[in-house]
Amino acid sequence: MDLSTHTLPNISIDGSQIPTPHATNNDAAARKAAENFESFFLSQIIGSMFTGLKTDGMFGGGPGEAIYRSMMGEEFGRAAARSGGIGIADAVYREIVKLQEVKAP
């Protein structure tokens, strides 16, 4: 089946028309989604680096430190993605654009 020529049927609920999905040209939204994905991925990687560290000392340990440590990992991930990242956002962006290149009905 050639999906490029296949169209979805129009659906209506309570008499109101539901728009059929189609390709969009919203590059800014695609880029933001790709950067958010890379940011999340990097924050997970960075967060795993802290798992084996000792937290002893006068101000170390406790549930508060675990919370702030995870927040710090998220911020490091966002900062790394904003400053160019490691190339994941570019690859994800290309795939998003490729998936949007479907002929609209």
Protein backbone atom coordinates (compact mmCIF):
# COMPACT_ATOMS: atom_id res chain seq x y z
CA MET A 1 0.00 0.00 0.00
CA ASP A 2 1.39 3.37 -1.00
CA LEU A 3 0.84 5.62 2.03
CA SER A 4 1.76 8.79 0.16
CA THR A 5 -1.57 8.72 -1.72
CA HIS A 6 -3.70 7.34 1.11
CA THR A 7 -6.00 9.84 2.80
CA LEU A 8 -7.84 9.48 6.06
CA PRO A 9 -11.62 9.77 6.06
CA ASN A 10 -13.17 12.94 7.42
CA ILE A 11 -14.63 12.32 10.87
CA SER A 12 -17.28 14.35 12.58
CA ILE A 13 -18.46 14.27 16.18
CA ASP A 14 -21.64 16.09 17.10
CA GLY A 15 -21.69 17.68 13.67
CA SER A 16 -18.30 19.39 14.05
CA GLN A 17 -15.58 18.44 11.59
CA ILE A 18 -12.34 16.98 12.96
CA PRO A 19 -9.40 17.99 10.77
CA THR A 20 -7.44 15.17 9.19
CA PRO A 21 -3.73 15.04 10.04
CA HIS A 22 -1.43 16.48 7.42
CA ALA A 23 2.10 17.71 7.04
CA THR A 24 2.94 21.03 8.62
CA ASN A 25 5.67 23.49 7.85
CA ASN A 26 6.25 24.48 11.44
CA ASP A 27 10.03 24.15 11.54
CA ALA A 28 10.31 26.01 14.84
CA ALA A 29 8.08 23.47 16.63
CA ALA A 30 10.02 20.56 15.09
CA ARG A 31 13.35 22.08 16.15
CA LYS A 32 12.07 22.72 19.69
CA ALA A 33 10.81 19.14 20.00
CA ALA A 34 14.18 17.81 18.83
CA GLU A 35 16.08 20.01 21.28
CA ASN A 36 13.75 18.99 24.11
CA PHE A 37 14.42 15.35 23.31
CA GLU A 38 18.17 15.90 23.36
CA SER A 39 17.89 17.87 26.59
CA PHE A 40 15.96 15.05 28.25
CA PHE A 41 18.39 12.42 26.97
CA LEU A 42 21.41 14.34 28.20
CA SER A 43 19.82 14.99 31.61
CA GLN A 44 19.26 11.23 32.00
CA ILE A 45 22.88 10.50 31.12
CA ILE A 46 24.19 13.23 33.42
CA GLY A 47 21.88 12.10 36.22
CA SER A 48 23.27 8.58 36.05
CA MET A 49 26.77 9.94 36.60
CA PHE A 50 25.80 10.98 40.14
CA THR A 51 24.45 7.60 41.28
CA GLY A 52 27.62 6.32 42.93
CA LEU A 53 28.85 9.49 44.61
CA LYS A 54 29.12 9.60 48.39
CA THR A 55 27.26 12.37 50.16
CA ASP A 56 28.90 12.39 53.55
CA GLY A 57 30.05 15.46 55.37
CA MET A 58 28.39 18.19 57.32
CA PHE A 59 25.90 19.20 54.63
CA GLY A 60 25.78 15.98 52.59
CA GLY A 61 23.03 13.43 52.07
CA GLY A 62 19.34 13.40 52.71
CA PRO A 63 16.30 13.57 50.47
CA GLY A 64 16.85 17.25 49.70
CA GLU A 65 20.18 16.53 48.09
CA ALA A 66 18.65 13.85 45.87
CA ILE A 67 16.01 16.30 44.65
CA TYR A 68 18.47 19.08 43.94
CA ARG A 69 20.88 16.68 42.30
CA SER A 70 18.20 15.57 39.83
CA MET A 71 17.30 19.21 39.14
CA MET A 72 20.96 19.99 38.55
CA GLY A 73 21.17 17.12 36.04
CA GLU A 74 18.13 18.49 34.19
CA GLU A 75 19.67 21.95 34.01
CA PHE A 76 23.00 20.57 32.80
CA GLY A 77 21.11 18.69 30.07
CA ARG A 78 19.23 21.83 29.00
CA ALA A 79 22.41 23.90 28.98
CA ALA A 80 24.27 21.29 26.92
CA ALA A 81 21.41 21.03 24.40
CA ARG A 82 21.15 24.84 24.09
CA SER A 83 24.86 25.17 23.41
CA GLY A 84 24.88 22.70 20.53
CA GLY A 85 24.56 19.39 22.33
CA ILE A 86 26.07 16.24 20.92
CA GLY A 87 24.14 16.10 17.64
CA ILE A 88 21.05 14.20 18.74
CA ALA A 89 18.73 17.17 18.15
CA ASP A 90 19.92 17.51 14.55
CA ALA A 91 19.25 13.83 13.83
CA VAL A 92 15.83 13.91 15.51
CA TYR A 93 14.94 17.13 13.66
CA ARG A 94 15.81 15.52 10.31
CA GLU A 95 13.59 12.54 11.14
CA ILE A 96 10.68 14.79 12.18
CA VAL A 97 10.95 16.72 8.93
CA LYS A 98 11.20 13.50 6.95
CA LEU A 99 8.06 12.15 8.60
CA GLN A 100 6.19 15.38 7.81
CA GLU A 101 6.93 15.10 4.11
CA VAL A 102 3.67 13.28 3.49
CA LYS A 103 1.40 14.63 0.81
CA ALA A 104 -1.53 16.50 2.29
CA PRO A 105 -5.01 15.53 0.99
